[in-house]
Amino acid sequence: MAPNRAAALKGSIRALEKAGRRVAITFRGEYTHRQANVPYFAGPGGVTPPGGNTGAPGSFVEGWTPDLRKSENRVTFALLVKL
């Protein structure tokens, strides 16, 4: 990110929840979309260099840069069971 440039982030969440009537089970599905005006979210290439973080914090790894994206889409599912 360029110096003196603030990041602008926005996003939305859509959720669907279904609870059981007799048994205490809840299913939840969620879709999340987030955006930024600068590369902010981790892409498929990740943000950890090959071989892991083996140097000092903030050290430069020759020939490698983090895979950052301006948007992210995420789908999550959850199951809650009350005993």
PDB file of N, CA and C in Angstrom:
ATOM      1  N   MET A   1       0.847  -1.168   0.000  1.00  0.00           N
ATOM      2  CA  MET A   1       0.000   0.000   0.000  1.00  0.00           C
ATOM      3  C   MET A   1       0.893   1.231   0.000  1.00  0.00           C
ATOM      4  N   ALA A   2       0.509   2.228  -0.754  1.00  0.00           N
ATOM      5  CA  ALA A   2       1.276   3.463  -0.847  1.00  0.00           C
ATOM      6  C   ALA A   2       1.208   4.234   0.463  1.00  0.00           C
ATOM      7  N   PRO A   3       2.313   4.923   0.831  1.00  0.00           N
ATOM      8  CA  PRO A   3       2.276   5.734   2.046  1.00  0.00           C
ATOM      9  C   PRO A   3       1.192   6.806   1.956  1.00  0.00           C
ATOM     10  N   ASN A   4       0.615   7.155   3.075  1.00  0.00           N
ATOM     11  CA  ASN A   4      -0.434   8.183   3.169  1.00  0.00           C
ATOM     12  C   ASN A   4      -1.696   7.838   2.389  1.00  0.00           C
ATOM     13  N   ARG A   5      -1.919   6.590   2.101  1.00  0.00           N
ATOM     14  CA  ARG A   5      -3.134   6.171   1.395  1.00  0.00           C
ATOM     15  C   ARG A   5      -3.910   5.227   2.292  1.00  0.00           C
ATOM     16  N   ALA A   6      -5.084   5.630   2.681  1.00  0.00           N
ATOM     17  CA  ALA A   6      -5.911   4.806   3.572  1.00  0.00           C
ATOM     18  C   ALA A   6      -6.609   3.709   2.774  1.00  0.00           C
ATOM     19  N   ALA A   7      -6.708   2.550   3.363  1.00  0.00           N
ATOM     20  CA  ALA A   7      -7.426   1.448   2.733  1.00  0.00           C
ATOM     21  C   ALA A   7      -8.923   1.615   2.987  1.00  0.00           C
ATOM     22  N   ALA A   8      -9.714   1.417   1.962  1.00  0.00           N
ATOM     23  CA  ALA A   8     -11.173   1.463   2.093  1.00  0.00           C
ATOM     24  C   ALA A   8     -11.693   0.040   1.926  1.00  0.00           C
ATOM     25  N   LEU A   9     -12.350  -0.482   2.946  1.00  0.00           N
ATOM     26  CA  LEU A   9     -12.861  -1.852   2.932  1.00  0.00           C
ATOM     27  C   LEU A   9     -14.375  -1.837   2.996  1.00  0.00           C
ATOM     28  N   LYS A  10     -15.000  -2.786   2.307  1.00  0.00           N
ATOM     29  CA  LYS A  10     -16.447  -2.967   2.401  1.00  0.00           C
ATOM     30  C   LYS A  10     -16.760  -4.432   2.184  1.00  0.00           C
ATOM     31  N   GLY A  11     -17.934  -4.849   2.608  1.00  0.00           N
ATOM     32  CA  GLY A  11     -18.301  -6.235   2.448  1.00  0.00           C
ATOM     33  C   GLY A  11     -19.752  -6.485   2.786  1.00  0.00           C
ATOM     34  N   SER A  12     -20.178  -7.726   2.545  1.00  0.00           N
ATOM     35  CA  SER A  12     -21.545  -8.122   2.868  1.00  0.00           C
ATOM     36  C   SER A  12     -21.569  -9.600   3.215  1.00  0.00           C
ATOM     37  N   ILE A  13     -22.555  -9.976   3.999  1.00  0.00           N
ATOM     38  CA  ILE A  13     -22.735 -11.373   4.406  1.00  0.00           C
ATOM     39  C   ILE A  13     -24.175 -11.766   4.142  1.00  0.00           C
ATOM     40  N   ARG A  14     -24.360 -12.939   3.568  1.00  0.00           N
ATOM     41  CA  ARG A  14     -25.681 -13.520   3.365  1.00  0.00           C
ATOM     42  C   ARG A  14     -25.694 -14.845   4.115  1.00  0.00           C
ATOM     43  N   ALA A  15     -26.678 -15.026   4.981  1.00  0.00           N
ATOM     44  CA  ALA A  15     -26.714 -16.230   5.801  1.00  0.00           C
ATOM     45  C   ALA A  15     -28.079 -16.900   5.706  1.00  0.00           C
ATOM     46  N   LEU A  16     -28.072 -18.220   5.821  1.00  0.00           N
ATOM     47  CA  LEU A  16     -29.286 -19.026   5.845  1.00  0.00           C
ATOM     48  C   LEU A  16     -29.155 -19.953   7.041  1.00  0.00           C
ATOM     49  N   GLU A  17     -30.154 -19.956   7.900  1.00  0.00           N
ATOM     50  CA  GLU A  17     -30.107 -20.764   9.108  1.00  0.00           C
ATOM     51  C   GLU A  17     -31.382 -21.582   9.232  1.00  0.00           C
ATOM     52  N   LYS A  18     -31.230 -22.858   9.601  1.00  0.00           N
ATOM     53  CA  LYS A  18     -32.375 -23.755   9.757  1.00  0.00           C
ATOM     54  C   LYS A  18     -32.229 -24.492  11.079  1.00  0.00           C
ATOM     55  N   ALA A  19     -33.195 -24.322  11.960  1.00  0.00           N
ATOM     56  CA  ALA A  19     -33.165 -24.974  13.269  1.00  0.00           C
ATOM     57  C   ALA A  19     -34.191 -26.101  13.307  1.00  0.00           C
ATOM     58  N   GLY A  20     -33.827 -27.180  13.976  1.00  0.00           N
ATOM     59  CA  GLY A  20     -34.734 -28.298  14.134  1.00  0.00           C
ATOM     60  C   GLY A  20     -35.814 -28.001  15.159  1.00  0.00           C
ATOM     61  N   ARG A  21     -36.983 -28.614  15.014  1.00  0.00           N
ATOM     62  CA  ARG A  21     -38.088 -28.368  15.946  1.00  0.00           C
ATOM     63  C   ARG A  21     -38.015 -29.264  17.177  1.00  0.00           C
ATOM     64  N   ARG A  22     -37.658 -30.519  16.983  1.00  0.00           N
ATOM     65  CA  ARG A  22     -37.654 -31.455  18.097  1.00  0.00           C
ATOM     66  C   ARG A  22     -36.250 -31.656  18.664  1.00  0.00           C
ATOM     67  N   VAL A  23     -35.279 -31.686  17.810  1.00  0.00           N
ATOM     68  CA  VAL A  23     -33.903 -31.909  18.243  1.00  0.00           C
ATOM     69  C   VAL A  23     -33.168 -30.574  18.183  1.00  0.00           C
ATOM     70  N   ALA A  24     -32.268 -30.335  19.128  1.00  0.00           N
ATOM     71  CA  ALA A  24     -31.561 -29.056  19.194  1.00  0.00           C
ATOM     72  C   ALA A  24     -30.377 -29.046  18.223  1.00  0.00           C
ATOM     73  N   ILE A  25     -30.680 -29.000  16.921  1.00  0.00           N
ATOM     74  CA  ILE A  25     -29.654 -28.957  15.872  1.00  0.00           C
ATOM     75  C   ILE A  25     -29.923 -27.735  14.997  1.00  0.00           C
ATOM     76  N   THR A  26     -28.878 -27.001  14.707  1.00  0.00           N
ATOM     77  CA  THR A  26     -28.989 -25.843  13.825  1.00  0.00           C
ATOM     78  C   THR A  26     -27.967 -25.969  12.713  1.00  0.00           C
ATOM     79  N   PHE A  27     -28.398 -25.820  11.468  1.00  0.00           N
ATOM     80  CA  PHE A  27     -27.515 -25.793  10.308  1.00  0.00           C
ATOM     81  C   PHE A  27     -27.395 -24.340   9.858  1.00  0.00           C
ATOM     82  N   ARG A  28     -26.212 -23.927   9.468  1.00  0.00           N
ATOM     83  CA  ARG A  28     -26.011 -22.553   9.013  1.00  0.00           C
ATOM     84  C   ARG A  28     -25.069 -22.545   7.818  1.00  0.00           C
ATOM     85  N   GLY A  29     -25.458 -21.829   6.766  1.00  0.00           N
ATOM     86  CA  GLY A  29     -24.622 -21.607   5.598  1.00  0.00           C
ATOM     87  C   GLY A  29     -24.427 -20.114   5.424  1.00  0.00           C
ATOM     88  N   GLU A  30     -23.236 -19.716   5.042  1.00  0.00           N
ATOM     89  CA  GLU A  30     -22.930 -18.298   4.960  1.00  0.00           C
ATOM     90  C   GLU A  30     -22.082 -18.007   3.720  1.00  0.00           C
ATOM     91  N   TYR A  31     -22.398 -16.930   3.013  1.00  0.00           N
ATOM     92  CA  TYR A  31     -21.597 -16.448   1.887  1.00  0.00           C
ATOM     93  C   TYR A  31     -21.121 -15.041   2.234  1.00  0.00           C
ATOM     94  N   THR A  32     -19.821 -14.807   2.139  1.00  0.00           N
ATOM     95  CA  THR A  32     -19.248 -13.508   2.477  1.00  0.00           C
ATOM     96  C   THR A  32     -18.477 -12.965   1.286  1.00  0.00           C
ATOM     97  N   HIS A  33     -18.696 -11.708   0.959  1.00  0.00           N
ATOM     98  CA  HIS A  33     -17.932 -11.015  -0.083  1.00  0.00           C
ATOM     99  C   HIS A  33     -17.319  -9.771   0.543  1.00  0.00           C
ATOM    100  N   ARG A  34     -16.001  -9.608   0.362  1.00  0.00           N
ATOM    101  CA  ARG A  34     -15.314  -8.429   0.895  1.00  0.00           C
ATOM    102  C   ARG A  34     -14.468  -7.800  -0.209  1.00  0.00           C
ATOM    103  N   GLN A  35     -14.350  -6.478  -0.194  1.00  0.00           N
ATOM    104  CA  GLN A  35     -13.581  -5.748  -1.196  1.00  0.00           C
ATOM    105  C   GLN A  35     -12.728  -4.688  -0.530  1.00  0.00           C
ATOM    106  N   ALA A  36     -11.623  -4.330  -1.194  1.00  0.00           N
ATOM    107  CA  ALA A  36     -10.760  -3.244  -0.744  1.00  0.00           C
ATOM    108  C   ALA A  36     -10.270  -2.488  -1.974  1.00  0.00           C
ATOM    109  N   ASN A  37      -9.853  -1.243  -1.790  1.00  0.00           N
ATOM    110  CA  ASN A  37      -9.352  -0.464  -2.916  1.00  0.00           C
ATOM    111  C   ASN A  37      -7.857  -0.699  -3.154  1.00  0.00           C
ATOM    112  N   VAL A  38      -7.219  -1.457  -2.277  1.00  0.00           N
ATOM    113  CA  VAL A  38      -5.815  -1.846  -2.427  1.00  0.00           C
ATOM    114  C   VAL A  38      -5.722  -3.358  -2.193  1.00  0.00           C
ATOM    115  N   PRO A  39      -4.700  -4.058  -2.711  1.00  0.00           N
ATOM    116  CA  PRO A  39      -4.561  -5.491  -2.425  1.00  0.00           C
ATOM    117  C   PRO A  39      -4.427  -5.732  -0.926  1.00  0.00           C
ATOM    118  N   TYR A  40      -5.364  -6.483  -0.350  1.00  0.00           N
ATOM    119  CA  TYR A  40      -5.440  -6.638   1.103  1.00  0.00           C
ATOM    120  C   TYR A  40      -5.662  -8.093   1.531  1.00  0.00           C
ATOM    121  N   PHE A  41      -6.418  -8.869   0.754  1.00  0.00           N
ATOM    122  CA  PHE A  41      -6.799 -10.226   1.139  1.00  0.00           C
ATOM    123  C   PHE A  41      -5.850 -11.256   0.547  1.00  0.00           C
ATOM    124  N   ALA A  42      -5.608 -12.349   1.266  1.00  0.00           N
ATOM    125  CA  ALA A  42      -4.713 -13.403   0.801  1.00  0.00           C
ATOM    126  C   ALA A  42      -5.319 -14.129  -0.392  1.00  0.00           C
ATOM    127  N   GLY A  43      -4.528 -14.293  -1.455  1.00  0.00           N
ATOM    128  CA  GLY A  43      -4.952 -15.026  -2.643  1.00  0.00           C
ATOM    129  C   GLY A  43      -4.583 -16.494  -2.519  1.00  0.00           C
ATOM    130  N   PRO A  44      -4.815 -17.284  -3.582  1.00  0.00           N
ATOM    131  CA  PRO A  44      -4.527 -18.720  -3.527  1.00  0.00           C
ATOM    132  C   PRO A  44      -3.047 -19.041  -3.315  1.00  0.00           C
ATOM    133  N   GLY A  45      -2.159 -18.119  -3.686  1.00  0.00           N
ATOM    134  CA  GLY A  45      -0.726 -18.344  -3.501  1.00  0.00           C
ATOM    135  C   GLY A  45      -0.248 -18.127  -2.078  1.00  0.00           C
ATOM    136  N   GLY A  46      -1.109 -17.548  -1.241  1.00  0.00           N
ATOM    137  CA  GLY A  46      -0.791 -17.369   0.168  1.00  0.00           C
ATOM    138  C   GLY A  46       0.110 -16.187   0.458  1.00  0.00           C
ATOM    139  N   VAL A  47       0.378 -15.981   1.724  1.00  0.00           N
ATOM    140  CA  VAL A  47       1.220 -14.878   2.169  1.00  0.00           C
ATOM    141  C   VAL A  47       2.465 -15.370   2.911  1.00  0.00           C
ATOM    142  N   THR A  48       2.658 -16.685   2.974  1.00  0.00           N
ATOM    143  CA  THR A  48       3.834 -17.262   3.604  1.00  0.00           C
ATOM    144  C   THR A  48       4.789 -17.745   2.519  1.00  0.00           C
ATOM    145  N   PRO A  49       6.071 -17.367   2.582  1.00  0.00           N
ATOM    146  CA  PRO A  49       7.018 -17.777   1.545  1.00  0.00           C
ATOM    147  C   PRO A  49       7.262 -19.289   1.563  1.00  0.00           C
ATOM    148  N   PRO A  50       7.714 -19.856   0.433  1.00  0.00           N
ATOM    149  CA  PRO A  50       8.045 -21.281   0.404  1.00  0.00           C
ATOM    150  C   PRO A  50       9.082 -21.598   1.485  1.00  0.00           C
ATOM    151  N   GLY A  51       8.870 -22.651   2.222  1.00  0.00           N
ATOM    152  CA  GLY A  51       9.778 -23.014   3.297  1.00  0.00           C
ATOM    153  C   GLY A  51       9.414 -22.388   4.629  1.00  0.00           C
ATOM    154  N   GLY A  52       8.409 -21.520   4.629  1.00  0.00           N
ATOM    155  CA  GLY A  52       7.950 -20.920   5.879  1.00  0.00           C
ATOM    156  C   GLY A  52       8.685 -19.643   6.229  1.00  0.00           C
ATOM    157  N   ASN A  53       8.303 -19.059   7.340  1.00  0.00           N
ATOM    158  CA  ASN A  53       8.947 -17.848   7.852  1.00  0.00           C
ATOM    159  C   ASN A  53      10.165 -18.241   8.669  1.00  0.00           C
ATOM    160  N   THR A  54      11.316 -18.275   8.032  1.00  0.00           N
ATOM    161  CA  THR A  54      12.523 -18.730   8.723  1.00  0.00           C
ATOM    162  C   THR A  54      13.466 -17.603   9.096  1.00  0.00           C
ATOM    163  N   GLY A  55      13.280 -16.416   8.530  1.00  0.00           N
ATOM    164  CA  GLY A  55      14.162 -15.281   8.839  1.00  0.00           C
ATOM    165  C   GLY A  55      13.605 -14.432   9.961  1.00  0.00           C
ATOM    166  N   ALA A  56      14.256 -13.295  10.139  1.00  0.00           N
ATOM    167  CA  ALA A  56      13.797 -12.339  11.143  1.00  0.00           C
ATOM    168  C   ALA A  56      12.453 -11.754  10.712  1.00  0.00           C
ATOM    169  N   PRO A  57      11.583 -11.358  11.644  1.00  0.00           N
ATOM    170  CA  PRO A  57      10.294 -10.769  11.275  1.00  0.00           C
ATOM    171  C   PRO A  57      10.491  -9.562  10.350  1.00  0.00           C
ATOM    172  N   GLY A  58       9.721  -9.533   9.265  1.00  0.00           N
ATOM    173  CA  GLY A  58       9.812  -8.436   8.313  1.00  0.00           C
ATOM    174  C   GLY A  58      10.963  -8.547   7.340  1.00  0.00           C
ATOM    175  N   SER A  59      11.691  -9.670   7.355  1.00  0.00           N
ATOM    176  CA  SER A  59      12.843  -9.809   6.458  1.00  0.00           C
ATOM    177  C   SER A  59      12.383 -10.066   5.024  1.00  0.00           C
ATOM    178  N   PHE A  60      13.219  -9.694   4.071  1.00  0.00           N
ATOM    179  CA  PHE A  60      12.918  -9.813   2.644  1.00  0.00           C
ATOM    180  C   PHE A  60      13.301 -11.206   2.152  1.00  0.00           C
ATOM    181  N   VAL A  61      12.418 -11.847   1.374  1.00  0.00           N
ATOM    182  CA  VAL A  61      12.701 -13.148   0.775  1.00  0.00           C
ATOM    183  C   VAL A  61      12.911 -12.907  -0.718  1.00  0.00           C
ATOM    184  N   GLU A  62      14.093 -13.160  -1.194  1.00  0.00           N
ATOM    185  CA  GLU A  62      14.478 -12.901  -2.586  1.00  0.00           C
ATOM    186  C   GLU A  62      13.573 -13.653  -3.571  1.00  0.00           C
ATOM    187  N   GLY A  63      13.014 -12.915  -4.537  1.00  0.00           N
ATOM    188  CA  GLY A  63      12.219 -13.533  -5.606  1.00  0.00           C
ATOM    189  C   GLY A  63      10.805 -13.935  -5.220  1.00  0.00           C
ATOM    190  N   TRP A  64      10.318 -13.484  -4.083  1.00  0.00           N
ATOM    191  CA  TRP A  64       8.973 -13.880  -3.663  1.00  0.00           C
ATOM    192  C   TRP A  64       8.195 -12.672  -3.155  1.00  0.00           C
ATOM    193  N   THR A  65       6.916 -12.607  -3.509  1.00  0.00           N
ATOM    194  CA  THR A  65       6.011 -11.581  -2.976  1.00  0.00           C
ATOM    195  C   THR A  65       4.712 -12.255  -2.565  1.00  0.00           C
ATOM    196  N   PRO A  66       4.034 -11.759  -1.536  1.00  0.00           N
ATOM    197  CA  PRO A  66       2.758 -12.343  -1.118  1.00  0.00           C
ATOM    198  C   PRO A  66       1.709 -12.199  -2.221  1.00  0.00           C
ATOM    199  N   ASP A  67       0.814 -13.162  -2.307  1.00  0.00           N
ATOM    200  CA  ASP A  67      -0.279 -13.131  -3.290  1.00  0.00           C
ATOM    201  C   ASP A  67      -1.468 -12.425  -2.645  1.00  0.00           C
ATOM    202  N   LEU A  68      -1.600 -11.120  -2.905  1.00  0.00           N
ATOM    203  CA  LEU A  68      -2.678 -10.330  -2.320  1.00  0.00           C
ATOM    204  C   LEU A  68      -3.693  -9.953  -3.386  1.00  0.00           C
ATOM    205  N   ARG A  69      -4.965  -9.929  -3.010  1.00  0.00           N
ATOM    206  CA  ARG A  69      -6.068  -9.620  -3.924  1.00  0.00           C
ATOM    207  C   ARG A  69      -6.909  -8.477  -3.369  1.00  0.00           C
ATOM    208  N   LYS A  70      -7.683  -7.834  -4.259  1.00  0.00           N
ATOM    209  CA  LYS A  70      -8.552  -6.733  -3.843  1.00  0.00           C
ATOM    210  C   LYS A  70      -9.927  -7.202  -3.380  1.00  0.00           C
ATOM    211  N   SER A  71     -10.269  -8.473  -3.603  1.00  0.00           N
ATOM    212  CA  SER A  71     -11.571  -8.972  -3.151  1.00  0.00           C
ATOM    213  C   SER A  71     -11.437 -10.413  -2.674  1.00  0.00           C
ATOM    214  N   GLU A  72     -12.415 -10.820  -1.887  1.00  0.00           N
ATOM    215  CA  GLU A  72     -12.433 -12.179  -1.346  1.00  0.00           C
ATOM    216  C   GLU A  72     -13.876 -12.659  -1.272  1.00  0.00           C
ATOM    217  N   ASN A  73     -14.114 -13.882  -1.712  1.00  0.00           N
ATOM    218  CA  ASN A  73     -15.416 -14.542  -1.582  1.00  0.00           C
ATOM    219  C   ASN A  73     -15.208 -15.783  -0.722  1.00  0.00           C
ATOM    220  N   ARG A  74     -16.095 -15.993   0.224  1.00  0.00           N
ATOM    221  CA  ARG A  74     -15.933 -17.113   1.147  1.00  0.00           C
ATOM    222  C   ARG A  74     -17.285 -17.756   1.417  1.00  0.00           C
ATOM    223  N   VAL A  75     -17.326 -19.087   1.433  1.00  0.00           N
ATOM    224  CA  VAL A  75     -18.527 -19.840   1.787  1.00  0.00           C
ATOM    225  C   VAL A  75     -18.194 -20.675   3.015  1.00  0.00           C
ATOM    226  N   THR A  76     -19.026 -20.566   4.042  1.00  0.00           N
ATOM    227  CA  THR A  76     -18.813 -21.371   5.254  1.00  0.00           C
ATOM    228  C   THR A  76     -20.105 -22.088   5.639  1.00  0.00           C
ATOM    229  N   PHE A  77     -19.937 -23.238   6.244  1.00  0.00           N
ATOM    230  CA  PHE A  77     -21.062 -24.024   6.740  1.00  0.00           C
ATOM    231  C   PHE A  77     -20.789 -24.369   8.202  1.00  0.00           C
ATOM    232  N   ALA A  78     -21.842 -24.400   9.008  1.00  0.00           N
ATOM    233  CA  ALA A  78     -21.688 -24.738  10.420  1.00  0.00           C
ATOM    234  C   ALA A  78     -22.842 -25.641  10.858  1.00  0.00           C
ATOM    235  N   LEU A  79     -22.559 -26.460  11.839  1.00  0.00           N
ATOM    236  CA  LEU A  79     -23.553 -27.351  12.437  1.00  0.00           C
ATOM    237  C   LEU A  79     -23.448 -27.191  13.943  1.00  0.00           C
ATOM    238  N   LEU A  80     -24.539 -26.809  14.596  1.00  0.00           N
ATOM    239  CA  LEU A  80     -24.575 -26.639  16.045  1.00  0.00           C
ATOM    240  C   LEU A  80     -25.492 -27.702  16.627  1.00  0.00           C
ATOM    241  N   VAL A  81     -24.964 -28.481  17.554  1.00  0.00           N
ATOM    242  CA  VAL A  81     -25.750 -29.520  18.240  1.00  0.00           C
ATOM    243  C   VAL A  81     -25.712 -29.223  19.729  1.00  0.00           C
ATOM    244  N   LYS A  82     -26.878 -29.018  20.326  1.00  0.00           N
ATOM    245  CA  LYS A  82     -26.955 -28.780  21.767  1.00  0.00           C
ATOM    246  C   LYS A  82     -27.232 -30.092  22.475  1.00  0.00           C
ATOM    247  N   LEU A  83     -26.385 -30.415  23.402  1.00  0.00           N
ATOM    248  CA  LEU A  83     -26.536 -31.673  24.149  1.00  0.00           C
ATOM    249  C   LEU A  83     -27.239 -31.444  25.463  1.00  0.00           C
TER     250      LEU A  83
END
